[in-house]
């Protein structure tokens, strides 16, 4: 049950991340969004990694829903994606959110 809850959490945050890049071009295959461009957009100081503060800007770019709930969701997702616990997300760590989104979509599709 806890795993399913996290998948839902990750899917929600990834949808926010996707909408943060809504004005960005689609990938060449026409699906999803260009994570590299979104990542660079959020990386305010250009150091190639996202601090918790930079990552939390996702909630500001996506203005729908409860702001406090969105911040809590982003905090949990950040902790989960920061696999080396250094307090920053690399682009590779952030890409895991996309993988989680795909898994959540597949689970949802299989239930139907």
PDB file of N, CA and C in Angstrom:
ATOM      1  N   UNK A   1       0.825  -1.196   0.000  1.00  0.00           N
ATOM      2  CA  UNK A   1       0.000   0.000   0.000  1.00  0.00           C
ATOM      3  C   UNK A   1       0.866   1.255   0.000  1.00  0.00           C
ATOM      4  N   UNK A   2       1.944   1.229   0.793  1.00  0.00           N
ATOM      5  CA  UNK A   2       2.837   2.369   0.874  1.00  0.00           C
ATOM      6  C   UNK A   2       3.495   2.636  -0.476  1.00  0.00           C
ATOM      7  N   UNK A   3       3.872   1.552  -1.187  1.00  0.00           N
ATOM      8  CA  UNK A   3       4.489   1.673  -2.504  1.00  0.00           C
ATOM      9  C   UNK A   3       3.513   2.308  -3.491  1.00  0.00           C
ATOM     10  N   UNK A   4       2.269   1.892  -3.459  1.00  0.00           N
ATOM     11  CA  UNK A   4       1.261   2.447  -4.343  1.00  0.00           C
ATOM     12  C   UNK A   4       1.067   3.935  -4.063  1.00  0.00           C
ATOM     13  N   UNK A   5       1.092   4.297  -2.791  1.00  0.00           N
ATOM     14  CA  UNK A   5       0.976   5.704  -2.418  1.00  0.00           C
ATOM     15  C   UNK A   5       2.124   6.521  -2.966  1.00  0.00           C
ATOM     16  N   UNK A   6       3.335   5.943  -2.921  1.00  0.00           N
ATOM     17  CA  UNK A   6       4.476   6.673  -3.451  1.00  0.00           C
ATOM     18  C   UNK A   6       4.375   6.817  -4.961  1.00  0.00           C
ATOM     19  N   UNK A   7       3.915   5.781  -5.638  1.00  0.00           N
ATOM     20  CA  UNK A   7       3.769   5.852  -7.095  1.00  0.00           C
ATOM     21  C   UNK A   7       2.797   6.970  -7.452  1.00  0.00           C
ATOM     22  N   UNK A   8       1.714   7.079  -6.702  1.00  0.00           N
ATOM     23  CA  UNK A   8       0.749   8.153  -6.940  1.00  0.00           C
ATOM     24  C   UNK A   8       1.392   9.512  -6.673  1.00  0.00           C
ATOM     25  N   UNK A   9       2.183   9.594  -5.614  1.00  0.00           N
ATOM     26  CA  UNK A   9       2.894  10.826  -5.273  1.00  0.00           C
ATOM     27  C   UNK A   9       3.846  11.207  -6.392  1.00  0.00           C
ATOM     28  N   UNK A  10       4.623  10.247  -6.851  1.00  0.00           N
ATOM     29  CA  UNK A  10       5.594  10.504  -7.914  1.00  0.00           C
ATOM     30  C   UNK A  10       4.888  10.918  -9.195  1.00  0.00           C
ATOM     31  N   UNK A  11       3.816  10.246  -9.526  1.00  0.00           N
ATOM     32  CA  UNK A  11       3.082  10.583 -10.740  1.00  0.00           C
ATOM     33  C   UNK A  11       2.553  12.017 -10.665  1.00  0.00           C
ATOM     34  N   UNK A  12       2.053  12.396  -9.506  1.00  0.00           N
ATOM     35  CA  UNK A  12       1.558  13.757  -9.337  1.00  0.00           C
ATOM     36  C   UNK A  12       2.648  14.796  -9.509  1.00  0.00           C
ATOM     37  N   UNK A  13       3.795  14.534  -8.901  1.00  0.00           N
ATOM     38  CA  UNK A  13       4.901  15.482  -9.026  1.00  0.00           C
ATOM     39  C   UNK A  13       5.440  15.524 -10.439  1.00  0.00           C
ATOM     40  N   UNK A  14       5.479  14.397 -11.096  1.00  0.00           N
ATOM     41  CA  UNK A  14       5.979  14.370 -12.463  1.00  0.00           C
ATOM     42  C   UNK A  14       5.027  15.109 -13.386  1.00  0.00           C
ATOM     43  N   UNK A  15       3.730  15.017 -13.104  1.00  0.00           N
ATOM     44  CA  UNK A  15       2.779  15.787 -13.900  1.00  0.00           C
ATOM     45  C   UNK A  15       3.038  17.269 -13.706  1.00  0.00           C
ATOM     46  N   UNK A  16       3.363  17.654 -12.481  1.00  0.00           N
ATOM     47  CA  UNK A  16       3.710  19.043 -12.210  1.00  0.00           C
ATOM     48  C   UNK A  16       4.979  19.393 -12.974  1.00  0.00           C
ATOM     49  N   UNK A  17       5.963  18.517 -12.925  1.00  0.00           N
ATOM     50  CA  UNK A  17       7.213  18.750 -13.635  1.00  0.00           C
ATOM     51  C   UNK A  17       6.951  18.867 -15.134  1.00  0.00           C
ATOM     52  N   UNK A  18       6.089  18.017 -15.636  1.00  0.00           N
ATOM     53  CA  UNK A  18       5.749  18.082 -17.051  1.00  0.00           C
ATOM     54  C   UNK A  18       5.078  19.387 -17.416  1.00  0.00           C
ATOM     55  N   UNK A  19       4.205  19.866 -16.572  1.00  0.00           N
ATOM     56  CA  UNK A  19       3.532  21.118 -16.874  1.00  0.00           C
ATOM     57  C   UNK A  19       4.468  22.296 -16.693  1.00  0.00           C
ATOM     58  N   UNK A  20       5.517  22.132 -15.878  1.00  0.00           N
ATOM     59  CA  UNK A  20       6.508  23.188 -15.742  1.00  0.00           C
ATOM     60  C   UNK A  20       7.217  23.404 -17.063  1.00  0.00           C
ATOM     61  N   UNK A  21       7.287  22.365 -17.861  1.00  0.00           N
ATOM     62  CA  UNK A  21       7.930  22.467 -19.160  1.00  0.00           C
ATOM     63  C   UNK A  21       6.933  22.492 -20.301  1.00  0.00           C
ATOM     64  N   UNK A  22       5.710  22.859 -20.009  1.00  0.00           N
ATOM     65  CA  UNK A  22       4.662  22.815 -21.020  1.00  0.00           C
ATOM     66  C   UNK A  22       4.969  23.720 -22.203  1.00  0.00           C
ATOM     67  N   UNK A  23       5.692  24.808 -21.954  1.00  0.00           N
ATOM     68  CA  UNK A  23       6.027  25.691 -23.059  1.00  0.00           C
ATOM     69  C   UNK A  23       7.289  25.230 -23.780  1.00  0.00           C
ATOM     70  N   UNK A  24       7.873  24.142 -23.318  1.00  0.00           N
ATOM     71  CA  UNK A  24       9.066  23.589 -23.938  1.00  0.00           C
ATOM     72  C   UNK A  24       8.651  22.648 -25.066  1.00  0.00           C
ATOM     73  N   UNK A  25       9.521  22.469 -26.052  1.00  0.00           N
ATOM     74  CA  UNK A  25       9.188  21.563 -27.154  1.00  0.00           C
ATOM     75  C   UNK A  25       9.036  20.128 -26.699  1.00  0.00           C
ATOM     76  N   UNK A  26       8.192  19.408 -27.413  1.00  0.00           N
ATOM     77  CA  UNK A  26       8.041  17.982 -27.158  1.00  0.00           C
ATOM     78  C   UNK A  26       9.316  17.270 -27.592  1.00  0.00           C
ATOM     79  N   UNK A  27       9.515  16.078 -27.068  1.00  0.00           N
ATOM     80  CA  UNK A  27      10.633  15.262 -27.514  1.00  0.00           C
ATOM     81  C   UNK A  27      10.438  14.935 -28.983  1.00  0.00           C
ATOM     82  N   UNK A  28      11.501  14.510 -29.638  1.00  0.00           N
ATOM     83  CA  UNK A  28      11.413  14.185 -31.061  1.00  0.00           C
ATOM     84  C   UNK A  28      10.371  13.121 -31.344  1.00  0.00           C
ATOM     85  N   UNK A  29      10.172  12.200 -30.401  1.00  0.00           N
ATOM     86  CA  UNK A  29       9.181  11.151 -30.617  1.00  0.00           C
ATOM     87  C   UNK A  29       7.756  11.651 -30.374  1.00  0.00           C
ATOM     88  N   UNK A  30       7.623  12.944 -29.984  1.00  0.00           N
ATOM     89  CA  UNK A  30       6.315  13.547 -29.809  1.00  0.00           C
ATOM     90  C   UNK A  30       5.662  13.248 -28.471  1.00  0.00           C
ATOM     91  N   UNK A  31       6.361  12.524 -27.605  1.00  0.00           N
ATOM     92  CA  UNK A  31       5.768  12.163 -26.326  1.00  0.00           C
ATOM     93  C   UNK A  31       6.504  12.852 -25.188  1.00  0.00           C
ATOM     94  N   UNK A  32       5.764  13.155 -24.153  1.00  0.00           N
ATOM     95  CA  UNK A  32       6.368  13.716 -22.956  1.00  0.00           C
ATOM     96  C   UNK A  32       6.861  15.136 -23.160  1.00  0.00           C
ATOM     97  N   UNK A  33       7.877  15.490 -22.388  1.00  0.00           N
ATOM     98  CA  UNK A  33       8.446  16.816 -22.445  1.00  0.00           C
ATOM     99  C   UNK A  33       9.954  16.670 -22.406  1.00  0.00           C
ATOM    100  N   UNK A  34      10.650  17.717 -22.720  1.00  0.00           N
ATOM    101  CA  UNK A  34      12.109  17.680 -22.752  1.00  0.00           C
ATOM    102  C   UNK A  34      12.637  17.943 -21.346  1.00  0.00           C
ATOM    103  N   UNK A  35      12.941  16.869 -20.628  1.00  0.00           N
ATOM    104  CA  UNK A  35      13.389  16.973 -19.246  1.00  0.00           C
ATOM    105  C   UNK A  35      14.652  17.803 -19.123  1.00  0.00           C
ATOM    106  N   UNK A  36      15.548  17.697 -20.086  1.00  0.00           N
ATOM    107  CA  UNK A  36      16.798  18.466 -20.031  1.00  0.00           C
ATOM    108  C   UNK A  36      16.509  19.951 -20.003  1.00  0.00           C
ATOM    109  N   UNK A  37      15.573  20.395 -20.828  1.00  0.00           N
ATOM    110  CA  UNK A  37      15.242  21.828 -20.856  1.00  0.00           C
ATOM    111  C   UNK A  37      14.547  22.267 -19.571  1.00  0.00           C
ATOM    112  N   UNK A  38      13.665  21.425 -19.058  1.00  0.00           N
ATOM    113  CA  UNK A  38      12.989  21.750 -17.798  1.00  0.00           C
ATOM    114  C   UNK A  38      14.023  21.809 -16.670  1.00  0.00           C
ATOM    115  N   UNK A  39      14.928  20.825 -16.653  1.00  0.00           N
ATOM    116  CA  UNK A  39      15.969  20.773 -15.627  1.00  0.00           C
ATOM    117  C   UNK A  39      16.802  22.061 -15.660  1.00  0.00           C
ATOM    118  N   UNK A  40      17.221  22.462 -16.848  1.00  0.00           N
ATOM    119  CA  UNK A  40      18.031  23.681 -16.987  1.00  0.00           C
ATOM    120  C   UNK A  40      17.249  24.921 -16.569  1.00  0.00           C
ATOM    121  N   UNK A  41      15.960  24.911 -16.848  1.00  0.00           N
ATOM    122  CA  UNK A  41      15.108  26.040 -16.469  1.00  0.00           C
ATOM    123  C   UNK A  41      15.044  26.173 -14.936  1.00  0.00           C
ATOM    124  N   UNK A  42      14.984  25.032 -14.252  1.00  0.00           N
ATOM    125  CA  UNK A  42      14.906  25.047 -12.791  1.00  0.00           C
ATOM    126  C   UNK A  42      16.261  25.290 -12.133  1.00  0.00           C
ATOM    127  N   UNK A  43      17.351  24.956 -12.831  1.00  0.00           N
ATOM    128  CA  UNK A  43      18.713  25.087 -12.293  1.00  0.00           C
ATOM    129  C   UNK A  43      19.144  26.550 -12.364  1.00  0.00           C
ATOM    130  N   UNK A  44      18.687  27.342 -11.404  1.00  0.00           N
ATOM    131  CA  UNK A  44      18.864  28.788 -11.421  1.00  0.00           C
ATOM    132  C   UNK A  44      20.332  29.228 -11.458  1.00  0.00           C
ATOM    133  N   UNK A  45      21.199  28.523 -10.752  1.00  0.00           N
ATOM    134  CA  UNK A  45      22.604  28.947 -10.712  1.00  0.00           C
ATOM    135  C   UNK A  45      23.477  28.228 -11.735  1.00  0.00           C
ATOM    136  N   UNK A  46      22.887  27.337 -12.524  1.00  0.00           N
ATOM    137  CA  UNK A  46      23.603  26.683 -13.609  1.00  0.00           C
ATOM    138  C   UNK A  46      24.704  25.732 -13.188  1.00  0.00           C
ATOM    139  N   UNK A  47      24.597  25.177 -11.977  1.00  0.00           N
ATOM    140  CA  UNK A  47      25.659  24.278 -11.507  1.00  0.00           C
ATOM    141  C   UNK A  47      25.450  22.821 -11.918  1.00  0.00           C
ATOM    142  N   UNK A  48      24.383  22.549 -12.679  1.00  0.00           N
ATOM    143  CA  UNK A  48      24.148  21.200 -13.176  1.00  0.00           C
ATOM    144  C   UNK A  48      23.458  20.286 -12.187  1.00  0.00           C
ATOM    145  N   UNK A  49      22.964  20.845 -11.108  1.00  0.00           N
ATOM    146  CA  UNK A  49      22.209  20.063 -10.129  1.00  0.00           C
ATOM    147  C   UNK A  49      21.154  20.965  -9.521  1.00  0.00           C
ATOM    148  N   UNK A  50      20.104  20.334  -9.006  1.00  0.00           N
ATOM    149  CA  UNK A  50      19.010  21.093  -8.400  1.00  0.00           C
ATOM    150  C   UNK A  50      19.062  20.996  -6.891  1.00  0.00           C
ATOM    151  N   UNK A  51      19.094  22.141  -6.246  1.00  0.00           N
ATOM    152  CA  UNK A  51      18.953  22.164  -4.789  1.00  0.00           C
ATOM    153  C   UNK A  51      17.482  21.932  -4.468  1.00  0.00           C
ATOM    154  N   UNK A  52      17.201  21.693  -3.217  1.00  0.00           N
ATOM    155  CA  UNK A  52      15.809  21.517  -2.797  1.00  0.00           C
ATOM    156  C   UNK A  52      15.006  22.782  -3.135  1.00  0.00           C
ATOM    157  N   UNK A  53      15.627  23.925  -2.948  1.00  0.00           N
ATOM    158  CA  UNK A  53      14.952  25.194  -3.228  1.00  0.00           C
ATOM    159  C   UNK A  53      14.651  25.330  -4.721  1.00  0.00           C
ATOM    160  N   UNK A  54      15.616  24.998  -5.567  1.00  0.00           N
ATOM    161  CA  UNK A  54      15.392  25.077  -7.006  1.00  0.00           C
ATOM    162  C   UNK A  54      14.313  24.089  -7.439  1.00  0.00           C
ATOM    163  N   UNK A  55      14.379  22.867  -6.933  1.00  0.00           N
ATOM    164  CA  UNK A  55      13.402  21.838  -7.274  1.00  0.00           C
ATOM    165  C   UNK A  55      12.002  22.246  -6.837  1.00  0.00           C
ATOM    166  N   UNK A  56      11.905  22.943  -5.717  1.00  0.00           N
ATOM    167  CA  UNK A  56      10.591  23.345  -5.199  1.00  0.00           C
ATOM    168  C   UNK A  56       9.921  24.394  -6.080  1.00  0.00           C
ATOM    169  N   UNK A  57      10.659  25.002  -6.992  1.00  0.00           N
ATOM    170  CA  UNK A  57      10.072  25.987  -7.914  1.00  0.00           C
ATOM    171  C   UNK A  57       9.034  25.344  -8.819  1.00  0.00           C
ATOM    172  N   UNK A  58       9.045  24.019  -8.892  1.00  0.00           N
ATOM    173  CA  UNK A  58       8.047  23.301  -9.688  1.00  0.00           C
ATOM    174  C   UNK A  58       6.649  23.704  -9.240  1.00  0.00           C
ATOM    175  N   UNK A  59       6.450  23.830  -7.935  1.00  0.00           N
ATOM    176  CA  UNK A  59       5.121  24.175  -7.433  1.00  0.00           C
ATOM    177  C   UNK A  59       4.727  25.591  -7.828  1.00  0.00           C
ATOM    178  N   UNK A  60       5.705  26.476  -8.000  1.00  0.00           N
ATOM    179  CA  UNK A  60       5.397  27.838  -8.411  1.00  0.00           C
ATOM    180  C   UNK A  60       5.051  27.899  -9.898  1.00  0.00           C
ATOM    181  N   UNK A  61       5.659  27.012 -10.686  1.00  0.00           N
ATOM    182  CA  UNK A  61       5.380  26.992 -12.115  1.00  0.00           C
ATOM    183  C   UNK A  61       4.026  26.370 -12.414  1.00  0.00           C
ATOM    184  N   UNK A  62       3.541  25.554 -11.510  1.00  0.00           N
ATOM    185  CA  UNK A  62       2.262  24.880 -11.678  1.00  0.00           C
ATOM    186  C   UNK A  62       1.331  25.389 -10.586  1.00  0.00           C
ATOM    187  N   UNK A  63       0.433  26.272 -10.928  1.00  0.00           N
ATOM    188  CA  UNK A  63      -0.344  26.986  -9.921  1.00  0.00           C
ATOM    189  C   UNK A  63      -1.690  26.365  -9.594  1.00  0.00           C
ATOM    190  N   UNK A  64      -1.915  25.115  -9.979  1.00  0.00           N
ATOM    191  CA  UNK A  64      -3.193  24.474  -9.676  1.00  0.00           C
ATOM    192  C   UNK A  64      -3.103  23.731  -8.357  1.00  0.00           C
ATOM    193  N   UNK A  65      -4.218  23.608  -7.676  1.00  0.00           N
ATOM    194  CA  UNK A  65      -4.291  22.789  -6.476  1.00  0.00           C
ATOM    195  C   UNK A  65      -3.801  23.484  -5.225  1.00  0.00           C
ATOM    196  N   UNK A  66      -3.726  22.717  -4.177  1.00  0.00           N
ATOM    197  CA  UNK A  66      -3.324  23.171  -2.855  1.00  0.00           C
ATOM    198  C   UNK A  66      -1.805  23.355  -2.810  1.00  0.00           C
ATOM    199  N   UNK A  67      -1.344  24.576  -2.593  1.00  0.00           N
ATOM    200  CA  UNK A  67       0.088  24.880  -2.604  1.00  0.00           C
ATOM    201  C   UNK A  67       0.842  24.116  -1.521  1.00  0.00           C
ATOM    202  N   UNK A  68       0.265  24.031  -0.314  1.00  0.00           N
ATOM    203  CA  UNK A  68       0.944  23.319   0.776  1.00  0.00           C
ATOM    204  C   UNK A  68       1.080  21.835   0.462  1.00  0.00           C
ATOM    205  N   UNK A  69       0.032  21.258  -0.081  1.00  0.00           N
ATOM    206  CA  UNK A  69       0.071  19.841  -0.438  1.00  0.00           C
ATOM    207  C   UNK A  69       1.103  19.610  -1.541  1.00  0.00           C
ATOM    208  N   UNK A  70       1.161  20.528  -2.499  1.00  0.00           N
ATOM    209  CA  UNK A  70       2.134  20.435  -3.582  1.00  0.00           C
ATOM    210  C   UNK A  70       3.555  20.495  -3.063  1.00  0.00           C
ATOM    211  N   UNK A  71       3.805  21.375  -2.095  1.00  0.00           N
ATOM    212  CA  UNK A  71       5.144  21.492  -1.519  1.00  0.00           C
ATOM    213  C   UNK A  71       5.526  20.229  -0.751  1.00  0.00           C
ATOM    214  N   UNK A  72       4.570  19.661  -0.047  1.00  0.00           N
ATOM    215  CA  UNK A  72       4.836  18.414   0.681  1.00  0.00           C
ATOM    216  C   UNK A  72       5.153  17.290  -0.301  1.00  0.00           C
ATOM    217  N   UNK A  73       4.413  17.244  -1.381  1.00  0.00           N
ATOM    218  CA  UNK A  73       4.622  16.219  -2.394  1.00  0.00           C
ATOM    219  C   UNK A  73       6.018  16.352  -3.006  1.00  0.00           C
ATOM    220  N   UNK A  74       6.397  17.584  -3.335  1.00  0.00           N
ATOM    221  CA  UNK A  74       7.707  17.842  -3.929  1.00  0.00           C
ATOM    222  C   UNK A  74       8.812  17.483  -2.943  1.00  0.00           C
ATOM    223  N   UNK A  75       8.623  17.796  -1.679  1.00  0.00           N
ATOM    224  CA  UNK A  75       9.616  17.465  -0.644  1.00  0.00           C
ATOM    225  C   UNK A  75       9.829  15.951  -0.561  1.00  0.00           C
ATOM    226  N   UNK A  76       8.741  15.212  -0.538  1.00  0.00           N
ATOM    227  CA  UNK A  76       8.847  13.750  -0.464  1.00  0.00           C
ATOM    228  C   UNK A  76       9.509  13.179  -1.712  1.00  0.00           C
ATOM    229  N   UNK A  77       9.127  13.710  -2.865  1.00  0.00           N
ATOM    230  CA  UNK A  77       9.713  13.222  -4.106  1.00  0.00           C
ATOM    231  C   UNK A  77      11.200  13.554  -4.159  1.00  0.00           C
ATOM    232  N   UNK A  78      11.575  14.752  -3.730  1.00  0.00           N
ATOM    233  CA  UNK A  78      12.986  15.136  -3.720  1.00  0.00           C
ATOM    234  C   UNK A  78      13.790  14.159  -2.870  1.00  0.00           C
ATOM    235  N   UNK A  79      13.294  13.863  -1.684  1.00  0.00           N
ATOM    236  CA  UNK A  79      13.992  12.930  -0.798  1.00  0.00           C
ATOM    237  C   UNK A  79      14.136  11.559  -1.442  1.00  0.00           C
ATOM    238  N   UNK A  80      13.099  11.126  -2.133  1.00  0.00           N
ATOM    239  CA  UNK A  80      13.118   9.806  -2.761  1.00  0.00           C
ATOM    240  C   UNK A  80      14.081   9.764  -3.957  1.00  0.00           C
ATOM    241  N   UNK A  81      14.123  10.834  -4.734  1.00  0.00           N
ATOM    242  CA  UNK A  81      14.971  10.867  -5.926  1.00  0.00           C
ATOM    243  C   UNK A  81      16.438  11.121  -5.607  1.00  0.00           C
ATOM    244  N   UNK A  82      16.707  11.795  -4.505  1.00  0.00           N
ATOM    245  CA  UNK A  82      18.089  12.110  -4.116  1.00  0.00           C
ATOM    246  C   UNK A  82      18.746  10.848  -3.552  1.00  0.00           C
ATOM    247  N   UNK A  83      19.128   9.958  -4.448  1.00  0.00           N
ATOM    248  CA  UNK A  83      19.594   8.625  -4.043  1.00  0.00           C
ATOM    249  C   UNK A  83      20.905   8.641  -3.272  1.00  0.00           C
ATOM    250  N   UNK A  84      21.756   9.643  -3.499  1.00  0.00           N
ATOM    251  CA  UNK A  84      23.018   9.687  -2.758  1.00  0.00           C
ATOM    252  C   UNK A  84      22.939  10.604  -1.530  1.00  0.00           C
ATOM    253  N   UNK A  85      21.757  11.133  -1.263  1.00  0.00           N
ATOM    254  CA  UNK A  85      21.493  11.961  -0.071  1.00  0.00           C
ATOM    255  C   UNK A  85      22.454  13.136   0.100  1.00  0.00           C
ATOM    256  N   UNK A  86      22.816  13.758  -1.031  1.00  0.00           N
ATOM    257  CA  UNK A  86      23.708  14.916  -0.937  1.00  0.00           C
ATOM    258  C   UNK A  86      22.948  16.241  -0.886  1.00  0.00           C
ATOM    259  N   UNK A  87      21.621  16.179  -0.940  1.00  0.00           N
ATOM    260  CA  UNK A  87      20.820  17.396  -0.883  1.00  0.00           C
ATOM    261  C   UNK A  87      20.634  18.068  -2.227  1.00  0.00           C
ATOM    262  N   UNK A  88      21.051  17.395  -3.299  1.00  0.00           N
ATOM    263  CA  UNK A  88      20.909  17.920  -4.653  1.00  0.00           C
ATOM    264  C   UNK A  88      20.413  16.814  -5.565  1.00  0.00           C
ATOM    265  N   UNK A  89      19.756  17.212  -6.653  1.00  0.00           N
ATOM    266  CA  UNK A  89      19.345  16.249  -7.675  1.00  0.00           C
ATOM    267  C   UNK A  89      20.155  16.498  -8.933  1.00  0.00           C
ATOM    268  N   UNK A  90      20.778  15.454  -9.428  1.00  0.00           N
ATOM    269  CA  UNK A  90      21.416  15.532 -10.734  1.00  0.00           C
ATOM    270  C   UNK A  90      20.336  15.288 -11.776  1.00  0.00           C
ATOM    271  N   UNK A  91      20.659  15.527 -13.020  1.00  0.00           N
ATOM    272  CA  UNK A  91      19.678  15.274 -14.075  1.00  0.00           C
ATOM    273  C   UNK A  91      19.322  13.794 -14.124  1.00  0.00           C
ATOM    274  N   UNK A  92      20.308  12.926 -13.906  1.00  0.00           N
ATOM    275  CA  UNK A  92      20.037  11.483 -13.902  1.00  0.00           C
ATOM    276  C   UNK A  92      19.082  11.100 -12.777  1.00  0.00           C
ATOM    277  N   UNK A  93      19.263  11.692 -11.600  1.00  0.00           N
ATOM    278  CA  UNK A  93      18.344  11.404 -10.496  1.00  0.00           C
ATOM    279  C   UNK A  93      16.948  11.908 -10.824  1.00  0.00           C
ATOM    280  N   UNK A  94      16.854  13.074 -11.439  1.00  0.00           N
ATOM    281  CA  UNK A  94      15.553  13.645 -11.789  1.00  0.00           C
ATOM    282  C   UNK A  94      14.841  12.798 -12.841  1.00  0.00           C
ATOM    283  N   UNK A  95      15.602  12.156 -13.712  1.00  0.00           N
ATOM    284  CA  UNK A  95      15.003  11.316 -14.751  1.00  0.00           C
ATOM    285  C   UNK A  95      14.233  10.151 -14.150  1.00  0.00           C
ATOM    286  N   UNK A  96      14.568   9.764 -12.937  1.00  0.00           N
ATOM    287  CA  UNK A  96      13.856   8.670 -12.273  1.00  0.00           C
ATOM    288  C   UNK A  96      12.388   9.017 -12.086  1.00  0.00           C
ATOM    289  N   UNK A  97      12.082  10.291 -11.951  1.00  0.00           N
ATOM    290  CA  UNK A  97      10.690  10.713 -11.807  1.00  0.00           C
ATOM    291  C   UNK A  97       9.912  10.345 -13.064  1.00  0.00           C
ATOM    292  N   UNK A  98      10.532  10.503 -14.218  1.00  0.00           N
ATOM    293  CA  UNK A  98       9.885  10.119 -15.473  1.00  0.00           C
ATOM    294  C   UNK A  98       9.637   8.623 -15.544  1.00  0.00           C
ATOM    295  N   UNK A  99      10.604   7.861 -15.042  1.00  0.00           N
ATOM    296  CA  UNK A  99      10.438   6.403 -15.025  1.00  0.00           C
ATOM    297  C   UNK A  99       9.289   6.009 -14.103  1.00  0.00           C
ATOM    298  N   UNK A 100       9.191   6.682 -12.963  1.00  0.00           N
ATOM    299  CA  UNK A 100       8.103   6.400 -12.032  1.00  0.00           C
ATOM    300  C   UNK A 100       6.757   6.752 -12.647  1.00  0.00           C
ATOM    301  N   UNK A 101       6.734   7.819 -13.430  1.00  0.00           N
ATOM    302  CA  UNK A 101       5.488   8.226 -14.092  1.00  0.00           C
ATOM    303  C   UNK A 101       5.051   7.155 -15.080  1.00  0.00           C
ATOM    304  N   UNK A 102       6.011   6.629 -15.839  1.00  0.00           N
ATOM    305  CA  UNK A 102       5.681   5.578 -16.806  1.00  0.00           C
ATOM    306  C   UNK A 102       5.127   4.349 -16.097  1.00  0.00           C
ATOM    307  N   UNK A 103       5.756   3.967 -14.978  1.00  0.00           N
ATOM    308  CA  UNK A 103       5.290   2.807 -14.218  1.00  0.00           C
ATOM    309  C   UNK A 103       3.876   3.033 -13.710  1.00  0.00           C
ATOM    310  N   UNK A 104       3.612   4.241 -13.210  1.00  0.00           N
ATOM    311  CA  UNK A 104       2.276   4.552 -12.697  1.00  0.00           C
ATOM    312  C   UNK A 104       1.241   4.496 -13.817  1.00  0.00           C
ATOM    313  N   UNK A 105       1.609   5.012 -14.984  1.00  0.00           N
ATOM    314  CA  UNK A 105       0.686   4.990 -16.123  1.00  0.00           C
ATOM    315  C   UNK A 105       0.412   3.550 -16.568  1.00  0.00           C
ATOM    316  N   UNK A 106       1.447   2.702 -16.562  1.00  0.00           N
ATOM    317  CA  UNK A 106       1.272   1.305 -16.940  1.00  0.00           C
ATOM    318  C   UNK A 106       0.373   0.575 -15.946  1.00  0.00           C
ATOM    319  N   UNK A 107       0.571   0.843 -14.648  1.00  0.00           N
ATOM    320  CA  UNK A 107      -0.259   0.230 -13.627  1.00  0.00           C
ATOM    321  C   UNK A 107      -1.711   0.629 -13.813  1.00  0.00           C
ATOM    322  N   UNK A 108      -1.931   1.896 -14.068  1.00  0.00           N
ATOM    323  CA  UNK A 108      -3.289   2.398 -14.253  1.00  0.00           C
ATOM    324  C   UNK A 108      -3.928   1.753 -15.477  1.00  0.00           C
ATOM    325  N   UNK A 109      -3.159   1.639 -16.550  1.00  0.00           N
ATOM    326  CA  UNK A 109      -3.661   1.041 -17.786  1.00  0.00           C
ATOM    327  C   UNK A 109      -3.998  -0.432 -17.585  1.00  0.00           C
ATOM    328  N   UNK A 110      -3.169  -1.147 -16.829  1.00  0.00           N
ATOM    329  CA  UNK A 110      -3.404  -2.564 -16.578  1.00  0.00           C
ATOM    330  C   UNK A 110      -4.621  -2.824 -15.711  1.00  0.00           C
ATOM    331  N   UNK A 111      -4.991  -1.850 -14.880  1.00  0.00           N
ATOM    332  CA  UNK A 111      -6.168  -2.004 -14.013  1.00  0.00           C
ATOM    333  C   UNK A 111      -7.462  -1.882 -14.809  1.00  0.00           C
ATOM    334  N   UNK A 112      -7.408  -1.214 -15.943  1.00  0.00           N
ATOM    335  CA  UNK A 112      -8.625  -0.971 -16.735  1.00  0.00           C
ATOM    336  C   UNK A 112      -9.031  -2.165 -17.534  1.00  0.00           C
TER     337      UNK A 112
END
